[in-house]
Protein backbone atom coordinates (compact mmCIF):
# COMPACT_ATOMS: atom_id res chain seq x y z
CA MET A 1 0.00 0.00 0.00
CA THR A 2 1.34 3.42 -0.87
CA ALA A 3 0.58 6.77 0.73
CA LEU A 4 -1.56 7.56 -2.32
CA ASP A 5 -3.60 4.36 -1.79
CA LEU A 6 -4.26 5.45 1.78
CA ILE A 7 -5.22 8.98 0.73
CA GLU A 8 -7.63 7.64 -1.90
CA ALA A 9 -9.25 5.27 0.62
CA ILE A 10 -9.72 8.12 3.12
CA GLN A 11 -11.19 10.38 0.43
CA ALA A 12 -13.67 7.68 -0.58
CA ALA A 13 -14.64 7.04 3.05
CA VAL A 14 -15.29 10.68 3.92
CA GLY A 15 -16.83 11.52 0.54
CA ARG A 16 -14.48 14.38 -0.19
CA LYS A 17 -11.58 15.00 -2.50
CA GLY A 18 -8.33 16.33 -1.17
CA ARG A 19 -5.38 17.91 -2.81
CA VAL A 20 -1.86 16.62 -2.35
CA ILE A 21 0.58 19.47 -1.90
CA ARG A 22 4.17 18.43 -2.23
CA VAL A 23 6.44 20.14 0.28
CA PRO A 24 10.21 20.10 -0.22
CA MET A 25 11.93 17.85 2.32
CA ALA A 26 14.29 20.69 3.34
CA LEU A 27 11.29 22.77 4.39
CA THR A 28 9.73 19.76 6.11
CA ARG A 29 12.99 19.21 8.04
CA ALA A 30 13.04 22.86 9.15
CA LEU A 31 9.42 22.60 10.30
CA ALA A 32 10.24 19.38 12.17
CA LEU A 33 13.06 21.13 14.01
CA ALA A 34 10.66 23.97 14.86
CA GLY A 35 8.28 21.29 16.14
CA ASP A 36 11.04 19.98 18.42
CA VAL A 37 11.57 23.47 19.89
CA ALA A 38 7.82 24.07 20.31
CA GLY A 39 7.40 20.62 21.87
CA LYS A 40 10.05 21.36 24.48
CA ALA A 41 8.52 24.76 25.23
CA LEU A 42 5.00 23.33 25.54
CA ASN A 43 6.15 20.09 27.17
CA ARG A 44 4.28 17.92 24.68
CA PRO A 45 5.14 16.35 21.33
CA MET A 46 4.12 18.23 18.22
CA THR A 47 2.44 16.63 15.21
CA LEU A 48 5.59 17.23 13.18
CA ASN A 49 8.90 16.73 14.93
CA SER A 50 12.25 15.12 14.13
CA TRP A 51 11.00 11.64 14.97
CA ARG A 52 8.07 11.99 12.53
CA TYR A 53 10.36 13.56 9.95
CA ALA A 54 12.69 10.55 10.11
CA GLU A 55 9.69 8.29 9.54
CA MET A 56 8.51 10.35 6.53
CA ALA A 57 12.00 10.63 5.06
CA ALA A 58 12.74 6.90 5.21
CA GLU A 59 13.51 5.76 1.69
CA GLY A 60 10.86 3.46 0.26
CA PHE A 61 8.62 3.52 3.34
CA VAL A 62 5.39 1.74 2.50
CA CYS A 63 2.97 -0.41 4.43
CA ARG A 64 3.46 -3.98 3.27
CA VAL A 65 0.75 -6.31 4.48
CA ASP A 66 2.61 -9.32 3.09
CA ARG A 67 5.62 -8.50 5.30
CA MET A 68 3.34 -7.94 8.29
CA ARG A 69 1.80 -11.34 7.71
CA GLN A 70 5.21 -13.03 7.29
CA ALA A 71 6.95 -11.33 10.22
CA LEU A 72 4.11 -11.19 12.72
CA GLY A 73 1.58 -13.72 11.49
CA VAL A 74 -1.05 -10.96 11.37
CA THR A 75 -3.74 -10.95 8.71
CA ALA A 76 -6.12 -8.02 8.50
CA ALA A 77 -9.73 -8.97 9.22
CA ILE A 78 -11.08 -6.30 6.87
CA GLY A 79 -9.73 -4.50 3.82
CA LEU A 80 -8.49 -0.94 3.62
CA LYS A 81 -11.56 0.58 1.96
CA ASP A 82 -14.01 -1.14 4.31
CA GLY A 83 -11.85 -0.24 7.31
CA MET A 84 -11.72 3.41 6.28
CA ALA A 85 -15.49 3.45 5.69
CA ARG A 86 -16.07 2.02 9.18
CA THR A 87 -13.65 4.51 10.70
CA ALA A 88 -15.35 7.44 8.94
CA ALA A 89 -18.74 6.19 10.16
CA TRP A 90 -17.44 6.07 13.73
CA TYR A 91 -16.04 9.60 13.41
CA ARG A 92 -19.42 10.80 12.10
CA THR A 93 -21.25 9.14 15.00
CA ALA A 94 -18.81 10.75 17.46
CA GLY A 95 -19.41 14.14 15.83
CA TRP A 96 -15.84 14.49 14.59
CA LEU A 97 -16.84 14.40 10.91
CA PRO A 98 -19.82 16.05 9.25
CA SER A 99 -22.48 13.84 7.68
CA ALA A 100 -21.65 12.75 4.16
């Protein structure tokens, strides 16, 4: 599964289209460092920090369900699209997403 696969599944589940805006990694790194400083000042982790940056910058990072199955013996009970649809429904019920 690629990041684009995940984005498309989320868009389908919430019934909205999004726009992917590519941000240069140098700018992302600078923002991550700013997140580190803000996190220390506020005494809580920020959404974007150096740890998250390292995860995003990892070459070839993708979610591989076949590797998950081989390494951990885990098989997903439901597929991505159905899982996202169920998640969106839960968010709607909780009032965190507007009705479709």
